Amino acid sequence: MADLITFSDANGAETRGALALPPGDGPAPALVLVQEWWGVNGHIRAMADRFAAQGFVVLAPDLYNGVIATDAARASELMNALQWPAALGQIGGALQFLKTHPRSNGHVGITGFCMGGAATLLAANNIPGFEAATAFYGLPPAAFVDWTKPNLPPLQAHFSATDPWAKPDLAAAARDTVNAHGGRFELHVYDAEHAFVNDTRPEVHHPEHAKTALERTWSFLHAHLG
């Protein structure tokens, strides 16, 4: 399973995350993986391993600093208490760590699920240096992003058609704005529940759509990161 490591955030402070390396010893594209609202739990570390097996150097920054939620009430409490400037600092530090990692080819993307999906698009909109971003069923508040920016990295998103939290119509509006201003934002909407990729939650997991979404993600990221 992905190894827990320490690295420096964007301000030089020590933070932690889970690192997974691809097979072999040559250079590979790199990826920041942002957690769900549960924390950097076994599922996120396993997901880091899955992305690494597809040829990526993966670092999942631990935005909760070691705390893991096991029920929705605690997860909601942790997410609502999260200090987003500090979280973006950890994500920015992960970007810089991966740019210079011995196994990295220097090209870094970002992906994330649920809360991490929103953080993925927030980071792609606010942290220079990401070369591609794929978000799963998460969208940041409109006040914190500017979809008209001319220098956004290529974006991809995967949403549930019935999600009451990460609403697909809002994602479609963001896509249309990005594409109207010369960017690239591709959106895929699935007949599935929120968190349909999470195979530790059988009540929402949709194996077929999860497989399709992940394969689209790996193809998209390799196309832009090498």
C-alpha atoms as a PDB file:
ATOM      1  CA  MET A   1       0.000   0.000   0.000  1.00  0.00           C
ATOM      2  CA  ALA A   2       1.081   3.597  -0.598  1.00  0.00           C
ATOM      3  CA  ASP A   3       3.723   4.663   1.925  1.00  0.00           C
ATOM      4  CA  LEU A   4       3.177   7.500   4.386  1.00  0.00           C
ATOM      5  CA  ILE A   5       5.843  10.182   3.938  1.00  0.00           C
ATOM      6  CA  THR A   6       6.555  13.755   5.015  1.00  0.00           C
ATOM      7  CA  PHE A   7       7.153  16.649   2.615  1.00  0.00           C
ATOM      8  CA  SER A   8       7.017  20.446   2.719  1.00  0.00           C
ATOM      9  CA  ASP A   9       3.898  22.439   1.996  1.00  0.00           C
ATOM     10  CA  ALA A  10       4.000  25.600  -0.145  1.00  0.00           C
ATOM     11  CA  ASN A  11       5.149  27.614   2.887  1.00  0.00           C
ATOM     12  CA  GLY A  12       7.950  25.236   3.853  1.00  0.00           C
ATOM     13  CA  ALA A  13       6.145  23.631   6.797  1.00  0.00           C
ATOM     14  CA  GLU A  14       6.336  19.872   7.236  1.00  0.00           C
ATOM     15  CA  THR A  15       3.211  17.958   6.235  1.00  0.00           C
ATOM     16  CA  ARG A  16       2.381  14.380   5.345  1.00  0.00           C
ATOM     17  CA  GLY A  17       0.858  12.259   2.632  1.00  0.00           C
ATOM     18  CA  ALA A  18       0.769   8.834   0.988  1.00  0.00           C
ATOM     19  CA  LEU A  19       3.193   8.142  -1.884  1.00  0.00           C
ATOM     20  CA  ALA A  20       2.849   5.357  -4.447  1.00  0.00           C
ATOM     21  CA  LEU A  21       5.365   4.640  -7.206  1.00  0.00           C
ATOM     22  CA  PRO A  22       4.785   3.017 -10.605  1.00  0.00           C
ATOM     23  CA  PRO A  23       6.487  -0.197 -11.690  1.00  0.00           C
ATOM     24  CA  GLY A  24      10.001   0.010 -13.097  1.00  0.00           C
ATOM     25  CA  ASP A  25      12.639   2.653 -12.521  1.00  0.00           C
ATOM     26  CA  GLY A  26      12.201   5.135 -15.366  1.00  0.00           C
ATOM     27  CA  PRO A  27      10.600   8.583 -15.351  1.00  0.00           C
ATOM     28  CA  ALA A  28       6.808   8.719 -15.205  1.00  0.00           C
ATOM     29  CA  PRO A  29       4.075  11.358 -15.112  1.00  0.00           C
ATOM     30  CA  ALA A  30       3.120  12.500 -11.638  1.00  0.00           C
ATOM     31  CA  LEU A  31      -0.213  13.047  -9.960  1.00  0.00           C
ATOM     32  CA  VAL A  32      -1.555  14.717  -6.826  1.00  0.00           C
ATOM     33  CA  LEU A  33      -4.494  12.675  -5.521  1.00  0.00           C
ATOM     34  CA  VAL A  34      -6.863  14.570  -3.212  1.00  0.00           C
ATOM     35  CA  GLN A  35      -8.812  12.645  -0.583  1.00  0.00           C
ATOM     36  CA  GLU A  36     -12.542  12.265  -0.060  1.00  0.00           C
ATOM     37  CA  TRP A  37     -14.054  13.806   3.055  1.00  0.00           C
ATOM     38  CA  TRP A  38     -13.130  10.665   5.018  1.00  0.00           C
ATOM     39  CA  GLY A  39      -9.388  11.465   4.993  1.00  0.00           C
ATOM     40  CA  VAL A  40      -6.363   9.600   3.662  1.00  0.00           C
ATOM     41  CA  ASN A  41      -7.810   6.232   4.617  1.00  0.00           C
ATOM     42  CA  GLY A  42      -7.205   2.762   3.244  1.00  0.00           C
ATOM     43  CA  HIS A  43      -9.377   3.416   0.219  1.00  0.00           C
ATOM     44  CA  ILE A  44      -7.425   6.519  -0.825  1.00  0.00           C
ATOM     45  CA  ARG A  45      -4.106   4.746  -0.300  1.00  0.00           C
ATOM     46  CA  ALA A  46      -5.397   1.835  -2.377  1.00  0.00           C
ATOM     47  CA  MET A  47      -6.537   4.293  -5.055  1.00  0.00           C
ATOM     48  CA  ALA A  48      -3.029   5.793  -5.071  1.00  0.00           C
ATOM     49  CA  ASP A  49      -1.717   2.288  -5.722  1.00  0.00           C
ATOM     50  CA  ARG A  50      -4.200   1.819  -8.583  1.00  0.00           C
ATOM     51  CA  PHE A  51      -3.064   5.024 -10.264  1.00  0.00           C
ATOM     52  CA  ALA A  52       0.579   4.079  -9.690  1.00  0.00           C
ATOM     53  CA  ALA A  53      -0.061   0.721 -11.373  1.00  0.00           C
ATOM     54  CA  GLN A  54      -1.238   2.708 -14.399  1.00  0.00           C
ATOM     55  CA  GLY A  55       2.125   4.450 -14.622  1.00  0.00           C
ATOM     56  CA  PHE A  56       1.901   7.497 -12.353  1.00  0.00           C
ATOM     57  CA  VAL A  57       3.980   8.748  -9.423  1.00  0.00           C
ATOM     58  CA  VAL A  58       1.183   9.526  -6.958  1.00  0.00           C
ATOM     59  CA  LEU A  59       1.118  11.628  -3.806  1.00  0.00           C
ATOM     60  CA  ALA A  60      -2.042  12.003  -1.722  1.00  0.00           C
ATOM     61  CA  PRO A  61      -1.518  14.935   0.680  1.00  0.00           C
ATOM     62  CA  ASP A  62      -3.144  14.332   4.054  1.00  0.00           C
ATOM     63  CA  LEU A  63      -5.370  17.385   4.473  1.00  0.00           C
ATOM     64  CA  TYR A  64      -6.612  16.134   7.867  1.00  0.00           C
ATOM     65  CA  ASN A  65      -3.096  15.514   9.235  1.00  0.00           C
ATOM     66  CA  GLY A  66      -3.657  11.919  10.233  1.00  0.00           C
ATOM     67  CA  VAL A  67      -7.306  12.074  11.266  1.00  0.00           C
ATOM     68  CA  ILE A  68      -9.653   9.615   9.534  1.00  0.00           C
ATOM     69  CA  ALA A  69     -13.450   9.692   9.739  1.00  0.00           C
ATOM     70  CA  THR A  70     -15.452   6.474   9.866  1.00  0.00           C
ATOM     71  CA  ASP A  71     -18.955   7.960   9.777  1.00  0.00           C
ATOM     72  CA  ALA A  72     -20.588  10.736   7.771  1.00  0.00           C
ATOM     73  CA  ALA A  73     -21.158  13.028  10.735  1.00  0.00           C
ATOM     74  CA  ARG A  74     -17.458  13.059  11.620  1.00  0.00           C
ATOM     75  CA  ALA A  75     -16.461  13.404   7.963  1.00  0.00           C
ATOM     76  CA  SER A  76     -18.761  16.410   7.587  1.00  0.00           C
ATOM     77  CA  GLU A  77     -17.307  17.963  10.740  1.00  0.00           C
ATOM     78  CA  LEU A  78     -13.749  17.537   9.470  1.00  0.00           C
ATOM     79  CA  MET A  79     -14.547  18.887   6.021  1.00  0.00           C
ATOM     80  CA  ASN A  80     -16.343  21.932   7.408  1.00  0.00           C
ATOM     81  CA  ALA A  81     -13.434  22.667   9.742  1.00  0.00           C
ATOM     82  CA  LEU A  82     -10.836  22.397   6.982  1.00  0.00           C
ATOM     83  CA  GLN A  83      -8.789  25.552   6.461  1.00  0.00           C
ATOM     84  CA  TRP A  84      -8.690  25.813   2.688  1.00  0.00           C
ATOM     85  CA  PRO A  85      -5.682  28.161   2.402  1.00  0.00           C
ATOM     86  CA  ALA A  86      -3.665  25.614   4.373  1.00  0.00           C
ATOM     87  CA  ALA A  87      -5.079  22.740   2.294  1.00  0.00           C
ATOM     88  CA  LEU A  88      -4.124  24.503  -0.927  1.00  0.00           C
ATOM     89  CA  GLY A  89      -0.683  25.013   0.569  1.00  0.00           C
ATOM     90  CA  GLN A  90      -0.381  21.248   1.085  1.00  0.00           C
ATOM     91  CA  ILE A  91      -1.572  20.603  -2.470  1.00  0.00           C
ATOM     92  CA  GLY A  92       0.904  23.155  -3.814  1.00  0.00           C
ATOM     93  CA  GLY A  93       3.681  21.527  -1.806  1.00  0.00           C
ATOM     94  CA  ALA A  94       2.715  18.139  -3.232  1.00  0.00           C
ATOM     95  CA  LEU A  95       2.962  19.620  -6.729  1.00  0.00           C
ATOM     96  CA  GLN A  96       6.481  20.887  -6.090  1.00  0.00           C
ATOM     97  CA  PHE A  97       7.525  17.617  -4.421  1.00  0.00           C
ATOM     98  CA  LEU A  98       6.390  15.651  -7.468  1.00  0.00           C
ATOM     99  CA  LYS A  99       8.013  17.976  -9.991  1.00  0.00           C
ATOM    100  CA  THR A 100      11.437  17.099  -8.602  1.00  0.00           C
ATOM    101  CA  HIS A 101      10.863  13.509  -7.482  1.00  0.00           C
ATOM    102  CA  PRO A 102      13.503  11.151  -8.956  1.00  0.00           C
ATOM    103  CA  ARG A 103      10.799   9.044 -10.656  1.00  0.00           C
ATOM    104  CA  SER A 104       8.875  12.029 -12.055  1.00  0.00           C
ATOM    105  CA  ASN A 105       9.105  13.224 -15.646  1.00  0.00           C
ATOM    106  CA  GLY A 106       8.342  16.728 -14.338  1.00  0.00           C
ATOM    107  CA  HIS A 107       4.753  16.815 -15.623  1.00  0.00           C
ATOM    108  CA  VAL A 108       2.189  16.907 -12.801  1.00  0.00           C
ATOM    109  CA  GLY A 109      -1.584  16.576 -12.847  1.00  0.00           C
ATOM    110  CA  ILE A 110      -4.200  16.445 -10.125  1.00  0.00           C
ATOM    111  CA  THR A 111      -7.251  14.324  -9.431  1.00  0.00           C
ATOM    112  CA  GLY A 112      -9.614  13.844  -6.499  1.00  0.00           C
ATOM    113  CA  PHE A 113     -12.911  12.427  -5.345  1.00  0.00           C
ATOM    114  CA  CYS A 114     -15.895  14.110  -3.656  1.00  0.00           C
ATOM    115  CA  MET A 115     -14.372  16.848  -1.496  1.00  0.00           C
ATOM    116  CA  GLY A 116     -11.167  16.075  -3.348  1.00  0.00           C
ATOM    117  CA  GLY A 117     -12.923  16.599  -6.667  1.00  0.00           C
ATOM    118  CA  ALA A 118     -13.877  20.111  -5.602  1.00  0.00           C
ATOM    119  CA  ALA A 119     -10.318  20.656  -4.353  1.00  0.00           C
ATOM    120  CA  THR A 120      -8.957  19.410  -7.688  1.00  0.00           C
ATOM    121  CA  LEU A 121     -10.799  22.076  -9.660  1.00  0.00           C
ATOM    122  CA  LEU A 122     -10.050  24.714  -7.018  1.00  0.00           C
ATOM    123  CA  ALA A 123      -6.338  23.917  -7.221  1.00  0.00           C
ATOM    124  CA  ALA A 124      -6.325  23.801 -11.027  1.00  0.00           C
ATOM    125  CA  ASN A 125      -7.918  27.260 -11.005  1.00  0.00           C
ATOM    126  CA  ASN A 126      -5.628  28.785  -8.374  1.00  0.00           C
ATOM    127  CA  ILE A 127      -2.248  26.989  -8.302  1.00  0.00           C
ATOM    128  CA  PRO A 128      -0.014  27.446 -11.361  1.00  0.00           C
ATOM    129  CA  GLY A 129       1.871  24.395 -12.562  1.00  0.00           C
ATOM    130  CA  PHE A 130      -0.718  21.657 -12.927  1.00  0.00           C
ATOM    131  CA  GLU A 131      -0.821  20.409 -16.512  1.00  0.00           C
ATOM    132  CA  ALA A 132      -4.100  18.467 -16.330  1.00  0.00           C
ATOM    133  CA  ALA A 133      -6.893  17.940 -13.806  1.00  0.00           C
ATOM    134  CA  THR A 134      -9.603  15.304 -13.448  1.00  0.00           C
ATOM    135  CA  ALA A 135     -12.327  15.781 -10.826  1.00  0.00           C
ATOM    136  CA  PHE A 136     -14.819  13.208  -9.575  1.00  0.00           C
ATOM    137  CA  TYR A 137     -18.221  14.455  -8.341  1.00  0.00           C
ATOM    138  CA  GLY A 138     -16.996  17.647  -6.708  1.00  0.00           C
ATOM    139  CA  LEU A 139     -17.220  21.324  -7.650  1.00  0.00           C
ATOM    140  CA  PRO A 140     -15.857  24.315  -5.708  1.00  0.00           C
ATOM    141  CA  PRO A 141     -18.068  27.292  -4.857  1.00  0.00           C
ATOM    142  CA  ALA A 142     -18.323  29.739  -7.748  1.00  0.00           C
ATOM    143  CA  ALA A 143     -16.857  32.551  -5.631  1.00  0.00           C
ATOM    144  CA  PHE A 144     -13.485  30.783  -5.439  1.00  0.00           C
ATOM    145  CA  VAL A 145     -12.901  30.017  -9.124  1.00  0.00           C
ATOM    146  CA  ASP A 146     -12.773  31.947 -12.383  1.00  0.00           C
ATOM    147  CA  TRP A 147     -13.697  29.746 -15.312  1.00  0.00           C
ATOM    148  CA  THR A 148     -12.882  32.530 -17.794  1.00  0.00           C
ATOM    149  CA  LYS A 149      -9.128  32.383 -17.108  1.00  0.00           C
ATOM    150  CA  PRO A 150      -7.203  31.868 -20.351  1.00  0.00           C
ATOM    151  CA  ASN A 151      -4.455  29.669 -18.883  1.00  0.00           C
ATOM    152  CA  LEU A 152      -6.392  26.881 -17.178  1.00  0.00           C
ATOM    153  CA  PRO A 153      -4.964  23.365 -17.637  1.00  0.00           C
ATOM    154  CA  PRO A 154      -7.048  20.831 -19.570  1.00  0.00           C
ATOM    155  CA  LEU A 155      -9.923  19.726 -17.326  1.00  0.00           C
ATOM    156  CA  GLN A 156     -11.977  16.563 -17.141  1.00  0.00           C
ATOM    157  CA  ALA A 157     -14.821  15.744 -14.734  1.00  0.00           C
ATOM    158  CA  HIS A 158     -17.002  12.764 -13.858  1.00  0.00           C
ATOM    159  CA  PHE A 159     -20.381  13.447 -12.234  1.00  0.00           C
ATOM    160  CA  SER A 160     -23.491  11.583 -11.146  1.00  0.00           C
ATOM    161  CA  ALA A 161     -26.671  12.482 -13.003  1.00  0.00           C
ATOM    162  CA  THR A 162     -28.645  12.578  -9.734  1.00  0.00           C
ATOM    163  CA  ASP A 163     -26.092  14.040  -7.313  1.00  0.00           C
ATOM    164  CA  PRO A 164     -27.770  16.570  -4.977  1.00  0.00           C
ATOM    165  CA  TRP A 165     -24.397  17.909  -3.763  1.00  0.00           C
ATOM    166  CA  ALA A 166     -22.123  18.028  -6.824  1.00  0.00           C
ATOM    167  CA  LYS A 167     -24.837  19.007  -9.269  1.00  0.00           C
ATOM    168  CA  PRO A 168     -24.202  18.077 -12.905  1.00  0.00           C
ATOM    169  CA  ASP A 169     -25.946  21.199 -14.227  1.00  0.00           C
ATOM    170  CA  LEU A 170     -23.451  23.373 -12.354  1.00  0.00           C
ATOM    171  CA  ALA A 171     -20.587  21.302 -13.748  1.00  0.00           C
ATOM    172  CA  ALA A 172     -22.042  21.732 -17.232  1.00  0.00           C
ATOM    173  CA  ALA A 173     -22.204  25.496 -16.749  1.00  0.00           C
ATOM    174  CA  ALA A 174     -18.536  25.538 -15.691  1.00  0.00           C
ATOM    175  CA  ARG A 175     -17.610  23.406 -18.714  1.00  0.00           C
ATOM    176  CA  ASP A 176     -19.463  25.712 -21.090  1.00  0.00           C
ATOM    177  CA  THR A 177     -17.761  28.797 -19.655  1.00  0.00           C
ATOM    178  CA  VAL A 178     -14.280  27.269 -19.868  1.00  0.00           C
ATOM    179  CA  ASN A 179     -14.801  26.079 -23.426  1.00  0.00           C
ATOM    180  CA  ALA A 180     -16.299  29.418 -24.485  1.00  0.00           C
ATOM    181  CA  HIS A 181     -13.120  31.157 -23.323  1.00  0.00           C
ATOM    182  CA  GLY A 182     -10.705  28.953 -25.225  1.00  0.00           C
ATOM    183  CA  GLY A 183     -10.060  26.291 -22.598  1.00  0.00           C
ATOM    184  CA  ARG A 184     -10.745  22.579 -22.611  1.00  0.00           C
ATOM    185  CA  PHE A 185     -13.184  21.025 -20.158  1.00  0.00           C
ATOM    186  CA  GLU A 186     -14.732  17.639 -20.898  1.00  0.00           C
ATOM    187  CA  LEU A 187     -17.582  16.462 -18.701  1.00  0.00           C
ATOM    188  CA  HIS A 188     -18.933  12.925 -18.354  1.00  0.00           C
ATOM    189  CA  VAL A 189     -22.215  12.305 -16.518  1.00  0.00           C
ATOM    190  CA  TYR A 190     -23.189   8.800 -15.362  1.00  0.00           C
ATOM    191  CA  ASP A 191     -26.438   7.170 -14.327  1.00  0.00           C
ATOM    192  CA  ALA A 192     -25.013   6.374 -10.898  1.00  0.00           C
ATOM    193  CA  GLU A 193     -24.913   7.681  -7.332  1.00  0.00           C
ATOM    194  CA  HIS A 194     -22.491  10.146  -5.802  1.00  0.00           C
ATOM    195  CA  ALA A 195     -19.198   8.372  -4.959  1.00  0.00           C
ATOM    196  CA  PHE A 196     -19.880   5.643  -7.520  1.00  0.00           C
ATOM    197  CA  VAL A 197     -16.141   4.907  -7.904  1.00  0.00           C
ATOM    198  CA  ASN A 198     -15.662   4.055  -4.223  1.00  0.00           C
ATOM    199  CA  ASP A 199     -15.564   0.257  -4.120  1.00  0.00           C
ATOM    200  CA  THR A 200     -15.579   0.215  -0.308  1.00  0.00           C
ATOM    201  CA  ARG A 201     -19.164   1.526  -0.330  1.00  0.00           C
ATOM    202  CA  PRO A 202     -21.346  -1.140  -1.977  1.00  0.00           C
ATOM    203  CA  GLU A 203     -24.474   0.947  -1.504  1.00  0.00           C
ATOM    204  CA  VAL A 204     -23.238   3.482  -4.089  1.00  0.00           C
ATOM    205  CA  HIS A 205     -20.443   1.733  -5.992  1.00  0.00           C
ATOM    206  CA  HIS A 206     -21.212   1.155  -9.674  1.00  0.00           C
ATOM    207  CA  PRO A 207     -18.508  -1.180 -11.040  1.00  0.00           C
ATOM    208  CA  GLU A 208     -19.230  -0.603 -14.737  1.00  0.00           C
ATOM    209  CA  HIS A 209     -19.343   3.183 -14.562  1.00  0.00           C
ATOM    210  CA  ALA A 210     -16.364   3.262 -12.184  1.00  0.00           C
ATOM    211  CA  LYS A 211     -14.310   1.250 -14.666  1.00  0.00           C
ATOM    212  CA  THR A 212     -15.292   3.540 -17.532  1.00  0.00           C
ATOM    213  CA  ALA A 213     -14.570   6.709 -15.556  1.00  0.00           C
ATOM    214  CA  LEU A 214     -11.164   5.511 -14.380  1.00  0.00           C
ATOM    215  CA  GLU A 215     -10.131   4.351 -17.846  1.00  0.00           C
ATOM    216  CA  ARG A 216     -11.140   7.732 -19.264  1.00  0.00           C
ATOM    217  CA  THR A 217      -9.136   9.400 -16.501  1.00  0.00           C
ATOM    218  CA  TRP A 218      -5.971   7.398 -17.088  1.00  0.00           C
ATOM    219  CA  SER A 219      -6.161   8.006 -20.831  1.00  0.00           C
ATOM    220  CA  PHE A 220      -6.758  11.752 -20.365  1.00  0.00           C
ATOM    221  CA  LEU A 221      -3.923  12.172 -17.872  1.00  0.00           C
ATOM    222  CA  HIS A 222      -1.424  10.201 -19.945  1.00  0.00           C
ATOM    223  CA  ALA A 223      -2.355  12.259 -23.004  1.00  0.00           C
ATOM    224  CA  HIS A 224      -1.436  15.478 -21.189  1.00  0.00           C
ATOM    225  CA  LEU A 225       1.330  14.350 -18.834  1.00  0.00           C
ATOM    226  CA  GLY A 226       3.183  11.760 -20.867  1.00  0.00           C
END
